[in-house]
Amino acid sequence: MTPLIEAQGLSIRLGGADVLSRVDFRIAPGEIVTVLGPNGSGKSTLLRALMGIVAPSAGRVLRAPGLRIGYVPQKLAIDRNLPLTVRRFLSLPRRVSDPQAMAALDRTGLPRALAGRQLGALSGGQLQRVLLARALLGDPQILVLDEATQGLDQPGEAAFYRLIEDIRAQTGAAVLMVSHDLHVVMAASDRVVCLNGHVCCEGTPRVVSTAPEYRALFGLGTQGALALYRHEHDHEHDHDHGDDHAPHAPFSHDHGPHTHA
């Protein structure tokens, strides 16, 4: 399947320092991929490079022609006194009709009555869903989320990732997320890429969670297993998520389900 975005040997230097080194990456239509890594690992830089905001120092990034990208930032600094309603915000920078705006709120699980509320009066979870609704208004082929659940508690994170899975099922859009979370984010993904300036390992969440490279990256030691949030799927995805073992993954066999800590 032709990827929506592909990086080949991507390297980036910023301020004289190597931020990314020879990163190979790809995301296919309909796929949910999480880039996981500690602070300073180059996750946000990789996102900006994939979207064309940062130019590679070496290597290249290929994007499907006319690719529509919906972006949800890590956070949006808002003056709580700014007179800006949710409805007006959804029409920035491109005006949308009331039915379009209401449909976007519906899709993200927000009540329509929220349209008249001031943006500065929203809770953190409500604001992230409004940002997601705004991203969906452009009918994206890929949603890009930069640590979009930062500041939410674990139930809030879990609900947000369930919403992302539902949106993928409804729209067929691919989803690219970056995070430093170690728990709920992974179970929402088809594939996880561990990044620390370079690709340490990648594969399905089950495979990566037991990888020595992953455990060393987050100082988890060699014993026990990471407790991942899981939930039952009540729908089938009709697209191919590919092999469990991507080219970077140093695994030759699948691991059984791990024990929850």
C-alpha atoms as a PDB file:
ATOM      1  CA  MET A   1       0.000   0.000   0.000  1.00  0.00           C
ATOM      2  CA  THR A   2       1.385   3.413  -0.955  1.00  0.00           C
ATOM      3  CA  PRO A   3       2.216   5.345   2.241  1.00  0.00           C
ATOM      4  CA  LEU A   4       0.630   8.697   2.984  1.00  0.00           C
ATOM      5  CA  ILE A   5       3.943   9.952   4.371  1.00  0.00           C
ATOM      6  CA  GLU A   6       7.363   8.335   4.203  1.00  0.00           C
ATOM      7  CA  ALA A   7      10.716   9.455   5.588  1.00  0.00           C
ATOM      8  CA  GLN A   8      13.887   7.952   4.157  1.00  0.00           C
ATOM      9  CA  GLY A   9      17.166   8.383   6.030  1.00  0.00           C
ATOM     10  CA  LEU A  10      15.827  11.540   7.687  1.00  0.00           C
ATOM     11  CA  SER A  11      18.390  13.516   9.688  1.00  0.00           C
ATOM     12  CA  ILE A  12      17.853  16.921  11.277  1.00  0.00           C
ATOM     13  CA  ARG A  13      20.302  19.295  12.941  1.00  0.00           C
ATOM     14  CA  LEU A  14      19.016  22.224  14.973  1.00  0.00           C
ATOM     15  CA  GLY A  15      21.292  24.754  16.624  1.00  0.00           C
ATOM     16  CA  GLY A  16      24.325  22.715  15.670  1.00  0.00           C
ATOM     17  CA  ALA A  17      23.018  19.585  17.425  1.00  0.00           C
ATOM     18  CA  ASP A  18      21.811  16.345  15.866  1.00  0.00           C
ATOM     19  CA  VAL A  19      18.134  15.939  16.752  1.00  0.00           C
ATOM     20  CA  LEU A  20      17.265  13.068  14.411  1.00  0.00           C
ATOM     21  CA  SER A  21      19.656  10.660  12.747  1.00  0.00           C
ATOM     22  CA  ARG A  22      18.819   8.467   9.741  1.00  0.00           C
ATOM     23  CA  VAL A  23      15.178   7.892  10.620  1.00  0.00           C
ATOM     24  CA  ASP A  24      13.109   5.720   8.299  1.00  0.00           C
ATOM     25  CA  PHE A  25       9.371   6.044   8.839  1.00  0.00           C
ATOM     26  CA  ARG A  26       6.136   5.429   6.984  1.00  0.00           C
ATOM     27  CA  ILE A  27       2.421   5.494   7.689  1.00  0.00           C
ATOM     28  CA  ALA A  28      -0.186   3.854   5.473  1.00  0.00           C
ATOM     29  CA  PRO A  29      -3.809   4.890   4.893  1.00  0.00           C
ATOM     30  CA  GLY A  30      -6.037   3.994   7.848  1.00  0.00           C
ATOM     31  CA  GLU A  31      -3.155   3.086  10.153  1.00  0.00           C
ATOM     32  CA  ILE A  32      -2.763   4.328  13.741  1.00  0.00           C
ATOM     33  CA  VAL A  33       0.915   4.831  14.562  1.00  0.00           C
ATOM     34  CA  THR A  34       2.306   6.174  17.826  1.00  0.00           C
ATOM     35  CA  VAL A  35       5.816   7.597  18.100  1.00  0.00           C
ATOM     36  CA  LEU A  36       6.887   7.024  21.674  1.00  0.00           C
ATOM     37  CA  GLY A  37       9.927   8.467  23.392  1.00  0.00           C
ATOM     38  CA  PRO A  38      11.158  10.452  26.389  1.00  0.00           C
ATOM     39  CA  ASN A  39      11.328  14.227  26.455  1.00  0.00           C
ATOM     40  CA  GLY A  40      14.011  15.485  24.076  1.00  0.00           C
ATOM     41  CA  SER A  41      13.920  12.397  21.892  1.00  0.00           C
ATOM     42  CA  GLY A  42      12.954  14.320  18.738  1.00  0.00           C
ATOM     43  CA  LYS A  43       9.279  13.323  18.562  1.00  0.00           C
ATOM     44  CA  SER A  44       7.862  16.783  17.836  1.00  0.00           C
ATOM     45  CA  THR A  45      10.722  17.523  15.435  1.00  0.00           C
ATOM     46  CA  LEU A  46       9.869  14.363  13.525  1.00  0.00           C
ATOM     47  CA  LEU A  47       6.244  15.483  13.293  1.00  0.00           C
ATOM     48  CA  ARG A  48       7.217  18.906  11.983  1.00  0.00           C
ATOM     49  CA  ALA A  49       9.526  17.351   9.419  1.00  0.00           C
ATOM     50  CA  LEU A  50       6.850  14.920   8.243  1.00  0.00           C
ATOM     51  CA  MET A  51       4.403  17.811   7.816  1.00  0.00           C
ATOM     52  CA  GLY A  52       6.985  19.899   5.916  1.00  0.00           C
ATOM     53  CA  ILE A  53       7.528  22.539   8.611  1.00  0.00           C
ATOM     54  CA  VAL A  54      11.176  21.612   9.251  1.00  0.00           C
ATOM     55  CA  ALA A  55      13.542  20.890   6.363  1.00  0.00           C
ATOM     56  CA  PRO A  56      15.711  17.754   6.531  1.00  0.00           C
ATOM     57  CA  SER A  57      19.463  18.139   6.929  1.00  0.00           C
ATOM     58  CA  ALA A  58      19.805  14.822   5.129  1.00  0.00           C
ATOM     59  CA  GLY A  59      17.409  12.270   3.681  1.00  0.00           C
ATOM     60  CA  ARG A  60      13.959  13.107   2.390  1.00  0.00           C
ATOM     61  CA  VAL A  61      10.264  13.110   3.218  1.00  0.00           C
ATOM     62  CA  LEU A  62       7.700  11.988   0.662  1.00  0.00           C
ATOM     63  CA  ARG A  63       4.030  12.894   1.003  1.00  0.00           C
ATOM     64  CA  ALA A  64       1.089  11.712  -1.098  1.00  0.00           C
ATOM     65  CA  PRO A  65       0.084  14.391  -3.632  1.00  0.00           C
ATOM     66  CA  GLY A  66      -2.527  16.769  -2.224  1.00  0.00           C
ATOM     67  CA  LEU A  67      -2.360  15.109   1.188  1.00  0.00           C
ATOM     68  CA  ARG A  68      -4.910  16.555   3.624  1.00  0.00           C
ATOM     69  CA  ILE A  69      -3.507  16.776   7.154  1.00  0.00           C
ATOM     70  CA  GLY A  70      -5.504  17.536  10.295  1.00  0.00           C
ATOM     71  CA  TYR A  71      -3.311  18.735  13.163  1.00  0.00           C
ATOM     72  CA  VAL A  72      -4.083  18.716  16.889  1.00  0.00           C
ATOM     73  CA  PRO A  73      -1.392  20.558  18.875  1.00  0.00           C
ATOM     74  CA  GLN A  74      -0.058  19.632  22.277  1.00  0.00           C
ATOM     75  CA  LYS A  75      -1.822  22.585  23.825  1.00  0.00           C
ATOM     76  CA  LEU A  76      -3.330  25.902  22.835  1.00  0.00           C
ATOM     77  CA  ALA A  77      -2.516  28.917  24.977  1.00  0.00           C
ATOM     78  CA  ILE A  78      -5.704  30.937  25.301  1.00  0.00           C
ATOM     79  CA  ASP A  79      -6.345  34.131  27.184  1.00  0.00           C
ATOM     80  CA  ARG A  80      -9.413  33.200  29.204  1.00  0.00           C
ATOM     81  CA  ASN A  81     -10.724  36.723  28.704  1.00  0.00           C
ATOM     82  CA  LEU A  82     -10.581  36.437  24.918  1.00  0.00           C
ATOM     83  CA  PRO A  83     -14.141  36.711  23.550  1.00  0.00           C
ATOM     84  CA  LEU A  84     -14.034  33.703  21.249  1.00  0.00           C
ATOM     85  CA  THR A  85     -16.766  31.063  21.218  1.00  0.00           C
ATOM     86  CA  VAL A  86     -16.301  27.449  20.205  1.00  0.00           C
ATOM     87  CA  ARG A  87     -18.463  28.076  17.132  1.00  0.00           C
ATOM     88  CA  ARG A  88     -16.334  31.010  15.970  1.00  0.00           C
ATOM     89  CA  PHE A  89     -13.143  29.056  16.630  1.00  0.00           C
ATOM     90  CA  LEU A  90     -14.329  26.213  14.401  1.00  0.00           C
ATOM     91  CA  SER A  91     -14.575  28.714  11.530  1.00  0.00           C
ATOM     92  CA  LEU A  92     -10.921  29.749  11.816  1.00  0.00           C
ATOM     93  CA  PRO A  93      -9.216  30.129   9.438  1.00  0.00           C
ATOM     94  CA  ARG A  94     -11.832  28.784   6.997  1.00  0.00           C
ATOM     95  CA  ARG A  95     -15.506  29.525   7.549  1.00  0.00           C
ATOM     96  CA  VAL A  96     -17.695  26.446   7.951  1.00  0.00           C
ATOM     97  CA  SER A  97     -21.479  26.175   8.020  1.00  0.00           C
ATOM     98  CA  ASP A  98     -23.484  25.542  11.169  1.00  0.00           C
ATOM     99  CA  PRO A  99     -24.357  21.968  10.081  1.00  0.00           C
ATOM    100  CA  GLN A 100     -20.679  21.249   9.449  1.00  0.00           C
ATOM    101  CA  ALA A 101     -19.677  22.652  12.838  1.00  0.00           C
ATOM    102  CA  MET A 102     -22.402  20.698  14.661  1.00  0.00           C
ATOM    103  CA  ALA A 103     -21.435  17.483  12.871  1.00  0.00           C
ATOM    104  CA  ALA A 104     -17.804  17.967  13.973  1.00  0.00           C
ATOM    105  CA  LEU A 105     -18.892  18.415  17.589  1.00  0.00           C
ATOM    106  CA  ASP A 106     -21.083  15.312  17.308  1.00  0.00           C
ATOM    107  CA  ARG A 107     -18.198  13.288  15.947  1.00  0.00           C
ATOM    108  CA  THR A 108     -15.984  14.175  18.887  1.00  0.00           C
ATOM    109  CA  GLY A 109     -18.669  13.475  21.479  1.00  0.00           C
ATOM    110  CA  LEU A 110     -19.234  17.086  22.494  1.00  0.00           C
ATOM    111  CA  PRO A 111     -22.748  18.462  23.130  1.00  0.00           C
ATOM    112  CA  ARG A 112     -23.934  20.962  20.558  1.00  0.00           C
ATOM    113  CA  ALA A 113     -24.753  23.408  23.332  1.00  0.00           C
ATOM    114  CA  LEU A 114     -21.006  23.822  23.799  1.00  0.00           C
ATOM    115  CA  ALA A 115     -20.853  25.780  20.528  1.00  0.00           C
ATOM    116  CA  GLY A 116     -21.887  28.965  22.296  1.00  0.00           C
ATOM    117  CA  ARG A 117     -19.447  28.622  25.179  1.00  0.00           C
ATOM    118  CA  GLN A 118     -16.312  30.737  25.414  1.00  0.00           C
ATOM    119  CA  LEU A 119     -13.189  28.824  24.454  1.00  0.00           C
ATOM    120  CA  GLY A 120     -11.423  29.996  27.611  1.00  0.00           C
ATOM    121  CA  ALA A 121     -14.127  28.448  29.798  1.00  0.00           C
ATOM    122  CA  LEU A 122     -13.593  24.880  28.559  1.00  0.00           C
ATOM    123  CA  SER A 123     -12.001  22.123  30.577  1.00  0.00           C
ATOM    124  CA  GLY A 124      -8.768  20.599  29.290  1.00  0.00           C
ATOM    125  CA  GLY A 125     -10.561  17.554  27.894  1.00  0.00           C
ATOM    126  CA  GLN A 126     -13.241  19.659  26.208  1.00  0.00           C
ATOM    127  CA  LEU A 127     -10.648  21.907  24.609  1.00  0.00           C
ATOM    128  CA  GLN A 128      -8.720  18.957  23.180  1.00  0.00           C
ATOM    129  CA  ARG A 129     -11.922  17.607  21.653  1.00  0.00           C
ATOM    130  CA  VAL A 130     -12.714  21.018  20.157  1.00  0.00           C
ATOM    131  CA  LEU A 131      -9.226  21.078  18.626  1.00  0.00           C
ATOM    132  CA  LEU A 132      -9.884  17.594  17.254  1.00  0.00           C
ATOM    133  CA  ALA A 133     -13.253  18.709  15.855  1.00  0.00           C
ATOM    134  CA  ARG A 134     -11.575  21.619  14.099  1.00  0.00           C
ATOM    135  CA  ALA A 135      -8.963  19.270  12.614  1.00  0.00           C
ATOM    136  CA  LEU A 136     -11.703  16.972  11.310  1.00  0.00           C
ATOM    137  CA  LEU A 137     -13.470  19.803   9.467  1.00  0.00           C
ATOM    138  CA  GLY A 138     -10.841  19.618   6.727  1.00  0.00           C
ATOM    139  CA  ASP A 139     -11.753  15.967   5.980  1.00  0.00           C
ATOM    140  CA  PRO A 140      -8.138  14.879   6.635  1.00  0.00           C
ATOM    141  CA  GLN A 141      -6.556  11.758   5.233  1.00  0.00           C
ATOM    142  CA  ILE A 142      -4.279  11.755   8.254  1.00  0.00           C
ATOM    143  CA  LEU A 143      -4.699  13.175  11.753  1.00  0.00           C
ATOM    144  CA  VAL A 144      -1.494  14.293  13.467  1.00  0.00           C
ATOM    145  CA  LEU A 145      -1.619  14.631  17.259  1.00  0.00           C
ATOM    146  CA  ASP A 146       1.303  16.062  19.222  1.00  0.00           C
ATOM    147  CA  GLU A 147       0.866  14.776  22.792  1.00  0.00           C
ATOM    148  CA  ALA A 148      -2.771  15.772  22.561  1.00  0.00           C
ATOM    149  CA  THR A 149      -3.696  14.278  25.955  1.00  0.00           C
ATOM    150  CA  GLN A 150      -1.097  16.107  28.024  1.00  0.00           C
ATOM    151  CA  GLY A 151      -2.697  17.327  31.230  1.00  0.00           C
ATOM    152  CA  LEU A 152      -5.577  14.838  31.142  1.00  0.00           C
ATOM    153  CA  ASP A 153      -5.937  12.192  33.827  1.00  0.00           C
ATOM    154  CA  GLN A 154      -5.715   8.520  32.875  1.00  0.00           C
ATOM    155  CA  PRO A 155      -9.487   7.975  32.409  1.00  0.00           C
ATOM    156  CA  GLY A 156      -9.545  11.121  30.259  1.00  0.00           C
ATOM    157  CA  GLU A 157      -6.635   9.822  28.196  1.00  0.00           C
ATOM    158  CA  ALA A 158      -8.286   6.434  27.745  1.00  0.00           C
ATOM    159  CA  ALA A 159     -11.540   8.055  26.606  1.00  0.00           C
ATOM    160  CA  PHE A 160      -9.676  10.284  24.145  1.00  0.00           C
ATOM    161  CA  TYR A 161      -7.827   7.336  22.590  1.00  0.00           C
ATOM    162  CA  ARG A 162     -11.060   5.350  22.292  1.00  0.00           C
ATOM    163  CA  LEU A 163     -12.487   8.359  20.456  1.00  0.00           C
ATOM    164  CA  ILE A 164      -9.501   8.369  18.095  1.00  0.00           C
ATOM    165  CA  GLU A 165     -10.072   4.695  17.290  1.00  0.00           C
ATOM    166  CA  ASP A 166     -13.756   5.364  16.630  1.00  0.00           C
ATOM    167  CA  ILE A 167     -12.925   8.280  14.323  1.00  0.00           C
ATOM    168  CA  ARG A 168     -10.486   6.104  12.396  1.00  0.00           C
ATOM    169  CA  ALA A 169     -13.199   3.470  12.021  1.00  0.00           C
ATOM    170  CA  GLN A 170     -15.764   6.057  10.857  1.00  0.00           C
ATOM    171  CA  THR A 171     -13.587   8.099   8.503  1.00  0.00           C
ATOM    172  CA  GLY A 172     -10.775   5.777   7.451  1.00  0.00           C
ATOM    173  CA  ALA A 173      -8.253   8.500   8.296  1.00  0.00           C
ATOM    174  CA  ALA A 174      -4.788   7.461   9.388  1.00  0.00           C
ATOM    175  CA  VAL A 175      -3.632   8.709  12.781  1.00  0.00           C
ATOM    176  CA  LEU A 176      -0.093   9.680  13.767  1.00  0.00           C
ATOM    177  CA  MET A 177       0.385  10.391  17.464  1.00  0.00           C
ATOM    178  CA  VAL A 178       3.452  11.288  19.483  1.00  0.00           C
ATOM    179  CA  SER A 179       3.669  10.800  23.211  1.00  0.00           C
ATOM    180  CA  HIS A 180       5.910  10.049  26.150  1.00  0.00           C
ATOM    181  CA  ASP A 181       3.109   8.174  27.912  1.00  0.00           C
ATOM    182  CA  LEU A 182       3.823   4.588  28.848  1.00  0.00           C
ATOM    183  CA  HIS A 183       0.333   3.250  29.365  1.00  0.00           C
ATOM    184  CA  VAL A 184      -2.937   3.966  27.591  1.00  0.00           C
ATOM    185  CA  VAL A 185      -1.445   5.364  24.386  1.00  0.00           C
ATOM    186  CA  MET A 186       0.133   2.150  23.196  1.00  0.00           C
ATOM    187  CA  ALA A 187      -2.972  -0.018  23.252  1.00  0.00           C
ATOM    188  CA  ALA A 188      -4.766   2.380  20.886  1.00  0.00           C
ATOM    189  CA  SER A 189      -2.087   1.874  18.217  1.00  0.00           C
ATOM    190  CA  ASP A 190      -1.609  -0.546  15.357  1.00  0.00           C
ATOM    191  CA  ARG A 191       2.125   0.141  15.432  1.00  0.00           C
ATOM    192  CA  VAL A 192       4.469   1.816  17.892  1.00  0.00           C
ATOM    193  CA  VAL A 193       7.793   3.451  16.991  1.00  0.00           C
ATOM    194  CA  CYS A 194      10.258   4.054  19.829  1.00  0.00           C
ATOM    195  CA  LEU A 195      12.378   7.114  19.137  1.00  0.00           C
ATOM    196  CA  ASN A 196      15.424   8.533  20.867  1.00  0.00           C
ATOM    197  CA  GLY A 197      17.104  10.575  18.152  1.00  0.00           C
ATOM    198  CA  HIS A 198      16.928   7.431  16.040  1.00  0.00           C
ATOM    199  CA  VAL A 199      14.473   4.538  15.766  1.00  0.00           C
ATOM    200  CA  CYS A 200      15.219   2.162  18.649  1.00  0.00           C
ATOM    201  CA  CYS A 201      12.543  -0.407  17.801  1.00  0.00           C
ATOM    202  CA  GLU A 202       9.078  -0.685  16.331  1.00  0.00           C
ATOM    203  CA  GLY A 203       6.228  -3.133  15.985  1.00  0.00           C
ATOM    204  CA  THR A 204       2.822  -3.840  17.471  1.00  0.00           C
ATOM    205  CA  PRO A 205       2.235  -2.642  21.050  1.00  0.00           C
ATOM    206  CA  ARG A 206       2.469  -6.204  22.322  1.00  0.00           C
ATOM    207  CA  VAL A 207       5.811  -6.756  20.645  1.00  0.00           C
ATOM    208  CA  VAL A 208       7.342  -3.410  21.531  1.00  0.00           C
ATOM    209  CA  SER A 209       6.279  -3.539  25.187  1.00  0.00           C
ATOM    210  CA  THR A 210       8.527  -6.581  25.698  1.00  0.00           C
ATOM    211  CA  ALA A 211      11.459  -5.335  23.601  1.00  0.00           C
ATOM    212  CA  PRO A 212      14.738  -4.795  25.488  1.00  0.00           C
ATOM    213  CA  GLU A 213      15.281  -1.535  23.579  1.00  0.00           C
ATOM    214  CA  TYR A 214      11.933  -0.186  24.726  1.00  0.00           C
ATOM    215  CA  ARG A 215      12.443  -1.217  28.320  1.00  0.00           C
ATOM    216  CA  ALA A 216      15.928   0.275  28.412  1.00  0.00           C
ATOM    217  CA  LEU A 217      14.686   3.535  26.867  1.00  0.00           C
ATOM    218  CA  PHE A 218      12.246   4.081  29.725  1.00  0.00           C
ATOM    219  CA  GLY A 219      14.313   2.505  32.495  1.00  0.00           C
ATOM    220  CA  LEU A 220      11.826  -0.296  33.081  1.00  0.00           C
ATOM    221  CA  GLY A 221      14.422  -2.952  33.835  1.00  0.00           C
ATOM    222  CA  THR A 222      14.257  -6.531  32.639  1.00  0.00           C
ATOM    223  CA  GLN A 223      11.654  -8.041  34.947  1.00  0.00           C
ATOM    224  CA  GLY A 224       7.900  -7.672  34.935  1.00  0.00           C
ATOM    225  CA  ALA A 225       5.815  -6.195  32.177  1.00  0.00           C
ATOM    226  CA  LEU A 226       4.232  -2.871  31.453  1.00  0.00           C
ATOM    227  CA  ALA A 227       0.544  -2.682  32.287  1.00  0.00           C
ATOM    228  CA  LEU A 228      -1.230  -1.447  29.170  1.00  0.00           C
ATOM    229  CA  TYR A 229      -4.760  -0.141  29.011  1.00  0.00           C
ATOM    230  CA  ARG A 230      -6.878  -2.450  26.893  1.00  0.00           C
ATOM    231  CA  HIS A 231     -10.494  -2.588  25.821  1.00  0.00           C
ATOM    232  CA  GLU A 232     -12.564  -4.904  23.716  1.00  0.00           C
ATOM    233  CA  HIS A 233     -13.108  -3.989  20.084  1.00  0.00           C
ATOM    234  CA  ASP A 234     -16.682  -4.249  18.887  1.00  0.00           C
ATOM    235  CA  HIS A 235     -15.857  -3.480  15.285  1.00  0.00           C
ATOM    236  CA  GLU A 236     -13.568  -4.767  12.579  1.00  0.00           C
ATOM    237  CA  HIS A 237     -11.141  -2.688  10.552  1.00  0.00           C
ATOM    238  CA  ASP A 238     -11.236  -3.562   6.876  1.00  0.00           C
ATOM    239  CA  HIS A 239      -7.742  -2.357   6.100  1.00  0.00           C
ATOM    240  CA  ASP A 240      -4.475  -4.215   6.390  1.00  0.00           C
ATOM    241  CA  HIS A 241      -2.281  -3.054   9.244  1.00  0.00           C
ATOM    242  CA  GLY A 242       0.727  -4.869   7.845  1.00  0.00           C
ATOM    243  CA  ASP A 243       3.256  -7.140   9.483  1.00  0.00           C
ATOM    244  CA  ASP A 244       3.819  -7.065  13.218  1.00  0.00           C
ATOM    245  CA  HIS A 245       7.517  -6.690  12.594  1.00  0.00           C
ATOM    246  CA  ALA A 246       8.549  -3.582  10.728  1.00  0.00           C
ATOM    247  CA  PRO A 247      12.057  -3.284   9.257  1.00  0.00           C
ATOM    248  CA  HIS A 248      13.595  -1.695  12.353  1.00  0.00           C
ATOM    249  CA  ALA A 249      12.204  -4.240  14.789  1.00  0.00           C
ATOM    250  CA  PRO A 250      14.879  -6.678  16.005  1.00  0.00           C
ATOM    251  CA  PHE A 251      12.350  -9.448  16.621  1.00  0.00           C
ATOM    252  CA  SER A 252      12.024 -12.698  14.733  1.00  0.00           C
ATOM    253  CA  HIS A 253       8.951 -14.064  16.488  1.00  0.00           C
ATOM    254  CA  ASP A 254       5.829 -12.835  18.172  1.00  0.00           C
ATOM    255  CA  HIS A 255       5.540 -12.679  21.925  1.00  0.00           C
ATOM    256  CA  GLY A 256       2.524 -13.931  23.798  1.00  0.00           C
ATOM    257  CA  PRO A 257       0.371 -11.557  25.786  1.00  0.00           C
ATOM    258  CA  HIS A 258       2.288 -10.097  28.655  1.00  0.00           C
ATOM    259  CA  THR A 259       1.229 -10.092  32.260  1.00  0.00           C
ATOM    260  CA  HIS A 260      -0.268  -6.885  33.587  1.00  0.00           C
ATOM    261  CA  ALA A 261       1.735  -5.409  36.403  1.00  0.00           C
END
